[in-house]
Structure formats: structure tokens, C-alpha cells
C-alpha atoms as a PDB file:
ATOM      1  CA  MET A   1       0.946 -42.968  -1.076  1.00  0.00           C
ATOM      2  CA  ILE A   2       2.896 -43.221  -4.335  1.00  0.00           C
ATOM      3  CA  PHE A   3       0.544 -40.761  -6.025  1.00  0.00           C
ATOM      4  CA  SER A   4      -0.065 -38.523  -3.007  1.00  0.00           C
ATOM      5  CA  PHE A   5       2.041 -35.757  -4.540  1.00  0.00           C
ATOM      6  CA  LEU A   6      -0.615 -35.338  -7.219  1.00  0.00           C
ATOM      7  CA  PHE A   7      -3.092 -34.124  -4.619  1.00  0.00           C
ATOM      8  CA  LYS A   8      -0.874 -31.718  -2.735  1.00  0.00           C
ATOM      9  CA  LYS A   9      -1.881 -28.100  -2.985  1.00  0.00           C
ATOM     10  CA  LYS A  10       0.528 -25.860  -4.777  1.00  0.00           C
ATOM     11  CA  ARG A  11       2.251 -23.643  -2.242  1.00  0.00           C
ATOM     12  CA  SER A  12       1.497 -19.986  -2.965  1.00  0.00           C
ATOM     13  CA  LYS A  13       4.421 -17.652  -3.369  1.00  0.00           C
ATOM     14  CA  ALA A  14       5.109 -15.416  -0.392  1.00  0.00           C
ATOM     15  CA  ILE A  15       4.014 -11.836  -0.961  1.00  0.00           C
ATOM     16  CA  GLU A  16       6.795  -9.308  -1.368  1.00  0.00           C
ATOM     17  CA  VAL A  17       6.967  -5.514  -1.328  1.00  0.00           C
ATOM     18  CA  LYS A  18       9.045  -3.253  -3.564  1.00  0.00           C
ATOM     19  CA  GLY A  19      11.935  -1.335  -2.035  1.00  0.00           C
ATOM     20  CA  THR A  20      10.303   1.992  -2.875  1.00  0.00           C
ATOM     21  CA  ALA A  21       7.496   1.286  -0.387  1.00  0.00           C
ATOM     22  CA  VAL A  22       9.987   0.095   2.223  1.00  0.00           C
ATOM     23  CA  LYS A  23      12.104   3.212   1.837  1.00  0.00           C
ATOM     24  CA  SER A  24       9.133   5.568   2.093  1.00  0.00           C
ATOM     25  CA  THR A  25       8.169   3.920   5.394  1.00  0.00           C
ATOM     26  CA  VAL A  26      11.584   4.696   6.875  1.00  0.00           C
ATOM     27  CA  GLU A  27      11.489   8.241   5.504  1.00  0.00           C
ATOM     28  CA  PHE A  28       8.004   8.773   6.930  1.00  0.00           C
ATOM     29  CA  VAL A  29       9.243   8.254  10.474  1.00  0.00           C
ATOM     30  CA  SER A  30      12.528  10.104  10.030  1.00  0.00           C
ATOM     31  CA  LYS A  31      10.765  13.197   8.652  1.00  0.00           C
ATOM     32  CA  ASN A  32       7.599  13.233  10.742  1.00  0.00           C
ATOM     33  CA  PHE A  33       8.858  11.814  14.039  1.00  0.00           C
ATOM     34  CA  PRO A  34      12.633  12.402  14.032  1.00  0.00           C
ATOM     35  CA  LYS A  35      12.988  12.466  17.826  1.00  0.00           C
ATOM     36  CA  GLN A  36      11.125   9.173  18.169  1.00  0.00           C
ATOM     37  CA  TYR A  37      12.890   7.405  15.292  1.00  0.00           C
ATOM     38  CA  ASP A  38      15.338   5.519  17.507  1.00  0.00           C
ATOM     39  CA  SER A  39      12.544   4.341  19.787  1.00  0.00           C
ATOM     40  CA  TRP A  40      10.496   3.131  16.812  1.00  0.00           C
ATOM     41  CA  PHE A  41      13.504   1.343  15.344  1.00  0.00           C
ATOM     42  CA  ALA A  42      14.349  -0.327  18.662  1.00  0.00           C
ATOM     43  CA  ASN A  43      10.819  -1.737  18.862  1.00  0.00           C
ATOM     44  CA  LEU A  44      10.988  -3.376  15.427  1.00  0.00           C
ATOM     45  CA  PRO A  45      11.630  -7.127  15.004  1.00  0.00           C
ATOM     46  CA  ALA A  46      15.291  -8.122  14.576  1.00  0.00           C
ATOM     47  CA  GLU A  47      14.654  -9.189  10.964  1.00  0.00           C
ATOM     48  CA  THR A  48      13.215  -5.777  10.169  1.00  0.00           C
ATOM     49  CA  GLN A  49      16.127  -3.981  11.811  1.00  0.00           C
ATOM     50  CA  LYS A  50      18.560  -5.977   9.693  1.00  0.00           C
ATOM     51  CA  ILE A  51      16.801  -4.906   6.482  1.00  0.00           C
ATOM     52  CA  TYR A  52      16.650  -1.264   7.544  1.00  0.00           C
ATOM     53  CA  LYS A  53      20.301  -1.123   8.620  1.00  0.00           C
ATOM     54  CA  ASP A  54      21.395  -2.104   5.128  1.00  0.00           C
ATOM     55  CA  ARG A  55      20.968   0.171   2.136  1.00  0.00           C
ATOM     56  CA  ILE A  56      17.413  -0.276   0.916  1.00  0.00           C
ATOM     57  CA  ASP A  57      17.364  -1.006  -2.805  1.00  0.00           C
ATOM     58  CA  TYR A  58      14.423   0.709  -4.521  1.00  0.00           C
ATOM     59  CA  ALA A  59      14.247  -2.016  -7.184  1.00  0.00           C
ATOM     60  CA  LYS A  60      14.542  -5.011  -4.843  1.00  0.00           C
ATOM     61  CA  TRP A  61      11.679  -7.108  -3.528  1.00  0.00           C
ATOM     62  CA  TYR A  62      11.505  -7.660   0.254  1.00  0.00           C
ATOM     63  CA  PRO A  63       9.455  -9.985   2.517  1.00  0.00           C
ATOM     64  CA  ILE A  64       6.312  -8.000   3.138  1.00  0.00           C
ATOM     65  CA  LYS A  65       5.665  -8.811   6.790  1.00  0.00           C
ATOM     66  CA  CYS A  66       9.013  -7.822   8.284  1.00  0.00           C
ATOM     67  CA  ALA A  67       9.905  -5.098   5.776  1.00  0.00           C
ATOM     68  CA  TYR A  68       6.524  -3.376   5.492  1.00  0.00           C
ATOM     69  CA  LEU A  69       3.593  -4.623   7.573  1.00  0.00           C
ATOM     70  CA  ASP A  70       5.285  -4.895  10.968  1.00  0.00           C
ATOM     71  CA  PRO A  71       6.946  -1.455  10.717  1.00  0.00           C
ATOM     72  CA  ILE A  72       3.766   0.383   9.713  1.00  0.00           C
ATOM     73  CA  ASP A  73       1.754  -1.345  12.434  1.00  0.00           C
ATOM     74  CA  LYS A  74       4.379  -0.182  14.923  1.00  0.00           C
ATOM     75  CA  ILE A  75       4.023   3.369  13.553  1.00  0.00           C
ATOM     76  CA  VAL A  76       0.286   3.186  14.180  1.00  0.00           C
ATOM     77  CA  GLU A  77       0.853   1.869  17.692  1.00  0.00           C
ATOM     78  CA  LEU A  78       3.479   4.425  18.737  1.00  0.00           C
ATOM     79  CA  PHE A  79       2.370   7.574  16.919  1.00  0.00           C
ATOM     80  CA  TYR A  80      -1.346   7.260  16.148  1.00  0.00           C
ATOM     81  CA  ASP A  81      -2.789   5.790  19.334  1.00  0.00           C
ATOM     82  CA  ASN A  82      -3.461   2.465  17.582  1.00  0.00           C
ATOM     83  CA  ASP A  83      -5.770   4.087  15.015  1.00  0.00           C
ATOM     84  CA  PRO A  84      -4.997   2.248  11.732  1.00  0.00           C
ATOM     85  CA  LYS A  85      -7.181   4.544   9.625  1.00  0.00           C
ATOM     86  CA  ILE A  86      -5.507   7.806  10.631  1.00  0.00           C
ATOM     87  CA  GLY A  87      -2.031   6.293  10.604  1.00  0.00           C
ATOM     88  CA  GLY A  88      -2.551   4.403   7.354  1.00  0.00           C
ATOM     89  CA  GLU A  89      -3.933   7.474   5.595  1.00  0.00           C
ATOM     90  CA  ALA A  90      -0.983   9.601   6.741  1.00  0.00           C
ATOM     91  CA  MET A  91       1.524   7.056   5.454  1.00  0.00           C
ATOM     92  CA  GLY A  92      -0.344   6.620   2.179  1.00  0.00           C
ATOM     93  CA  LEU A  93      -0.410  10.359   1.541  1.00  0.00           C
ATOM     94  CA  PHE A  94       3.291  10.677   2.336  1.00  0.00           C
ATOM     95  CA  ALA A  95       4.244   7.772   0.049  1.00  0.00           C
ATOM     96  CA  ALA A  96       2.034   9.074  -2.747  1.00  0.00           C
ATOM     97  CA  GLU A  97       3.573  12.535  -2.587  1.00  0.00           C
ATOM     98  CA  ILE A  98       7.038  11.024  -2.943  1.00  0.00           C
ATOM     99  CA  SER A  99       6.032   8.817  -5.866  1.00  0.00           C
ATOM    100  CA  LEU A 100       3.702  11.142  -7.756  1.00  0.00           C
ATOM    101  CA  LYS A 101       5.408  14.488  -7.189  1.00  0.00           C
ATOM    102  CA  LYS A 102       8.965  13.277  -7.665  1.00  0.00           C
ATOM    103  CA  ILE A 103       9.371   9.883  -9.340  1.00  0.00           C
ATOM    104  CA  TYR A 104       6.300  10.064 -11.618  1.00  0.00           C
ATOM    105  CA  LYS A 105       5.996  13.853 -11.797  1.00  0.00           C
ATOM    106  CA  VAL A 106       5.923  14.128 -15.600  1.00  0.00           C
ATOM    107  CA  PHE A 107       3.598  11.138 -15.968  1.00  0.00           C
ATOM    108  CA  ILE A 108       1.040  12.401 -13.466  1.00  0.00           C
ATOM    109  CA  SER A 109       1.093  15.944 -14.871  1.00  0.00           C
ATOM    110  CA  ILE A 110      -0.334  14.773 -18.198  1.00  0.00           C
ATOM    111  CA  ALA A 111      -2.458  11.851 -16.968  1.00  0.00           C
ATOM    112  CA  THR A 112      -6.237  12.098 -17.013  1.00  0.00           C
ATOM    113  CA  THR A 113      -8.481  10.606 -14.350  1.00  0.00           C
ATOM    114  CA  LYS A 114      -9.669   8.031 -16.885  1.00  0.00           C
ATOM    115  CA  TYR A 115      -6.109   6.974 -17.645  1.00  0.00           C
ATOM    116  CA  ILE A 116      -5.135   6.693 -13.972  1.00  0.00           C
ATOM    117  CA  ILE A 117      -8.150   4.454 -13.414  1.00  0.00           C
ATOM    118  CA  SER A 118      -7.171   2.192 -16.303  1.00  0.00           C
ATOM    119  CA  ARG A 119      -3.608   1.908 -14.971  1.00  0.00           C
ATOM    120  CA  ALA A 120      -4.528   1.358 -11.309  1.00  0.00           C
ATOM    121  CA  PRO A 121      -4.046  -2.448 -11.328  1.00  0.00           C
ATOM    122  CA  THR A 122      -0.611  -2.114 -12.917  1.00  0.00           C
ATOM    123  CA  ILE A 123       0.472   0.695 -10.590  1.00  0.00           C
ATOM    124  CA  ILE A 124      -0.571  -1.154  -7.422  1.00  0.00           C
ATOM    125  CA  SER A 125       1.098  -4.346  -8.627  1.00  0.00           C
ATOM    126  CA  THR A 126       4.427  -2.535  -9.002  1.00  0.00           C
ATOM    127  CA  PHE A 127       4.568  -2.318  -5.196  1.00  0.00           C
ATOM    128  CA  PHE A 128       3.204  -5.736  -4.171  1.00  0.00           C
ATOM    129  CA  ASN A 129       3.794  -9.151  -5.734  1.00  0.00           C
ATOM    130  CA  PRO A 130       2.052 -11.484  -6.320  1.00  0.00           C
ATOM    131  CA  ILE A 131      -1.435 -10.086  -5.762  1.00  0.00           C
ATOM    132  CA  LYS A 132      -4.455  -9.665  -8.010  1.00  0.00           C
ATOM    133  CA  VAL A 133      -5.944  -6.238  -8.692  1.00  0.00           C
ATOM    134  CA  LYS A 134      -8.917  -5.293 -10.840  1.00  0.00           C
ATOM    135  CA  ILE A 135     -11.271  -2.358 -11.352  1.00  0.00           C
ATOM    136  CA  VAL A 136     -15.039  -2.882 -11.222  1.00  0.00           C
ATOM    137  CA  ASP A 137     -18.106  -0.634 -11.373  1.00  0.00           C
ATOM    138  CA  LYS A 138     -16.187   1.984 -13.327  1.00  0.00           C
ATOM    139  CA  SER A 139     -17.847   5.221 -14.430  1.00  0.00           C
ATOM    140  CA  LYS A 140     -16.838   8.809 -15.164  1.00  0.00           C
ATOM    141  CA  THR A 141     -17.025   9.695 -11.474  1.00  0.00           C
ATOM    142  CA  SER A 142     -16.429   6.444  -9.608  1.00  0.00           C
ATOM    143  CA  MET A 143     -14.600   3.146  -9.504  1.00  0.00           C
ATOM    144  CA  THR A 144     -13.995   0.273  -7.120  1.00  0.00           C
ATOM    145  CA  VAL A 145     -10.540  -1.217  -6.688  1.00  0.00           C
ATOM    146  CA  VAL A 146     -10.648  -4.905  -5.771  1.00  0.00           C
ATOM    147  CA  ILE A 147      -7.506  -6.584  -4.414  1.00  0.00           C
ATOM    148  CA  SER A 148      -7.290 -10.303  -3.702  1.00  0.00           C
ATOM    149  CA  GLU A 149      -4.678 -12.868  -2.667  1.00  0.00           C
ATOM    150  CA  PHE A 150      -3.081 -10.348  -0.307  1.00  0.00           C
ATOM    151  CA  THR A 151      -3.267 -12.758   2.615  1.00  0.00           C
ATOM    152  CA  GLU A 152      -1.068 -10.983   5.158  1.00  0.00           C
ATOM    153  CA  ILE A 153      -2.358  -7.439   4.747  1.00  0.00           C
ATOM    154  CA  THR A 154      -3.221  -5.464   7.883  1.00  0.00           C
ATOM    155  CA  VAL A 155      -5.881  -2.804   8.408  1.00  0.00           C
ATOM    156  CA  ALA A 156      -3.264  -0.030   8.441  1.00  0.00           C
ATOM    157  CA  ALA A 157      -1.818  -1.274   5.152  1.00  0.00           C
ATOM    158  CA  GLU A 158      -5.289  -1.312   3.588  1.00  0.00           C
ATOM    159  CA  TYR A 159      -5.827   2.321   4.515  1.00  0.00           C
ATOM    160  CA  ARG A 160      -2.353   3.197   3.296  1.00  0.00           C
ATOM    161  CA  ILE A 161      -3.212   1.785  -0.138  1.00  0.00           C
ATOM    162  CA  ALA A 162      -6.618   3.511  -0.100  1.00  0.00           C
ATOM    163  CA  SER A 163      -5.043   6.862   0.737  1.00  0.00           C
ATOM    164  CA  TRP A 164      -2.313   6.465  -1.907  1.00  0.00           C
ATOM    165  CA  ASN A 165      -4.916   5.870  -4.605  1.00  0.00           C
ATOM    166  CA  LYS A 166      -7.038   8.786  -3.399  1.00  0.00           C
ATOM    167  CA  PHE A 167      -4.094  11.161  -3.756  1.00  0.00           C
ATOM    168  CA  ALA A 168      -3.337   9.800  -7.248  1.00  0.00           C
ATOM    169  CA  ILE A 169      -6.891  10.587  -8.359  1.00  0.00           C
ATOM    170  CA  GLU A 170      -6.667  14.051  -6.788  1.00  0.00           C
ATOM    171  CA  MET A 171      -3.486  14.736  -8.755  1.00  0.00           C
ATOM    172  CA  THR A 172      -5.490  14.466 -11.984  1.00  0.00           C
ATOM    173  CA  ASN A 173      -7.487  17.501 -10.777  1.00  0.00           C
ATOM    174  CA  ALA A 174     -10.562  15.501  -9.850  1.00  0.00           C
ATOM    175  CA  ASN A 175     -12.555  17.276  -7.139  1.00  0.00           C
ATOM    176  CA  ASN A 176     -14.005  16.062  -3.837  1.00  0.00           C
ATOM    177  CA  VAL A 177     -12.408  12.615  -3.985  1.00  0.00           C
ATOM    178  CA  VAL A 178     -13.872  10.293  -1.348  1.00  0.00           C
ATOM    179  CA  TYR A 179     -13.250   6.625  -0.675  1.00  0.00           C
ATOM    180  CA  GLU A 180     -14.971   3.873   1.292  1.00  0.00           C
ATOM    181  CA  VAL A 181     -13.540   0.485   2.261  1.00  0.00           C
ATOM    182  CA  ILE A 182     -16.385  -1.862   1.333  1.00  0.00           C
ATOM    183  CA  SER A 183     -14.698  -5.122   2.301  1.00  0.00           C
ATOM    184  CA  SER A 184     -11.465  -5.857   4.151  1.00  0.00           C
ATOM    185  CA  ILE A 185      -9.154  -8.846   3.943  1.00  0.00           C
ATOM    186  CA  ALA A 186      -7.624  -7.852   7.284  1.00  0.00           C
ATOM    187  CA  ASN A 187     -11.087  -8.065   8.859  1.00  0.00           C
ATOM    188  CA  GLY A 188     -11.893 -11.476   7.423  1.00  0.00           C
ATOM    189  CA  ASP A 189     -13.287 -10.812   3.951  1.00  0.00           C
ATOM    190  CA  LYS A 190     -11.891 -12.598   0.902  1.00  0.00           C
ATOM    191  CA  LYS A 191     -11.128  -9.375  -0.937  1.00  0.00           C
ATOM    192  CA  LEU A 192     -10.177  -5.787  -0.233  1.00  0.00           C
ATOM    193  CA  ALA A 193     -12.646  -3.539  -2.065  1.00  0.00           C
ATOM    194  CA  ILE A 194     -12.254   0.242  -2.017  1.00  0.00           C
ATOM    195  CA  LYS A 195     -14.835   2.445  -3.720  1.00  0.00           C
ATOM    196  CA  TYR A 196     -13.785   5.908  -4.929  1.00  0.00           C
ATOM    197  CA  THR A 197     -16.066   8.725  -6.031  1.00  0.00           C
ATOM    198  CA  TRP A 198     -15.231  12.198  -7.263  1.00  0.00           C
ATOM    199  CA  ASP A 199     -16.640  15.231  -9.071  1.00  0.00           C
ATOM    200  CA  LEU A 200     -15.658  16.294 -12.536  1.00  0.00           C
ATOM    201  CA  GLN A 201     -14.275  19.759 -13.062  1.00  0.00           C
END
């Protein structure tokens, strides 16, 4: 028993989400479903309501389940007839437009598709911590994003990430961008793998 501490597994750090993603979730409902905002808010867990009542700090890290996952799952339930793909894609597109057309407008205007691909792991990791992201099977017209150690992720959140990345690729003037979720952590796989293909101009 004296040496039992040597065999204890190291507790993994709880996953957190950046305030920018939290804020865009609130703005998504207020802009797209303004009349139902109060109903959505009332149906959120008390811990989530507390975070949302305070001023959301864009640079702060928040607990991912109550600040991000629970709210977007409630959006899917109330506004998208429990369809995580449609709801997740809508939220991902909305969040991407805010980030890429406003915050990173100058960056995205000069970025090439190749450069966006190379920066994908870094960009995704600015919103979620700690997770692992890598790019595999990369070519001129395709890539696969592989995310691991994102233990609490939901199906809606996976589609939100997939949609965000799709819009980022489209902003580089790539044509006919399509994605496919190859494996899903939310559905029991060890990794989230999203394959993207596109046509060159």
C-alpha cells in the first residue's frame, strides 16, 4: 500500500472551451431564434445559466459540458427536431462566419487552401483544450482531420466542428467542398475523423 501511488493513473485534465465559442452559441440563438431565446435559456442547467448571465470573456476558458455541449444539444432538441447534423452544421457555419469574416478577416483573405490545411490543428486547438488534432491523408484536393482525447464531445458538436472547417476551406475559394465523418467519438469510436474533399479552381 505504501507504493500504491506509483500505480495510480494520472488524472486527465478536464476539457475546456474558449469563450469565443461560448459567445457564438449565445449569439446563434439570439439572432436566429430571438422569440424562443428565453425558453431555451430556461431549459439550460443552472450552471450554464450562471455562466451565460455573467459577461462572457472571449479569452477565458470554460468547462466544456455546461458552457458548450449542453447548450448546443438543447438547441438541437428545441429548434432542429433532435437532428444533430442539421443543427450542428447550422451552428458551425454561424460560428465560422463570425470568426473568419470578422475576427480573422485579413488572415483568411490572403490564406491559401494549403496554408489553412497546415494550420488546422492549431486553429481547432485554440477553441478546445486539451485535445489532440492532426491532419492525415493530405493531398491537393483532400485531407482528413483526426481529433482524439475529446472524451465528452457530442454528435452535434462533432458536426459543428466539421461545418466550421468546411466553411474555412470554402473561404480560400476552394470549390465543391464536401466532408464525411468517418469515425465518431460520440458514437463510440476512439477518434473523430472528418474527411474533406474539394476541387481546385
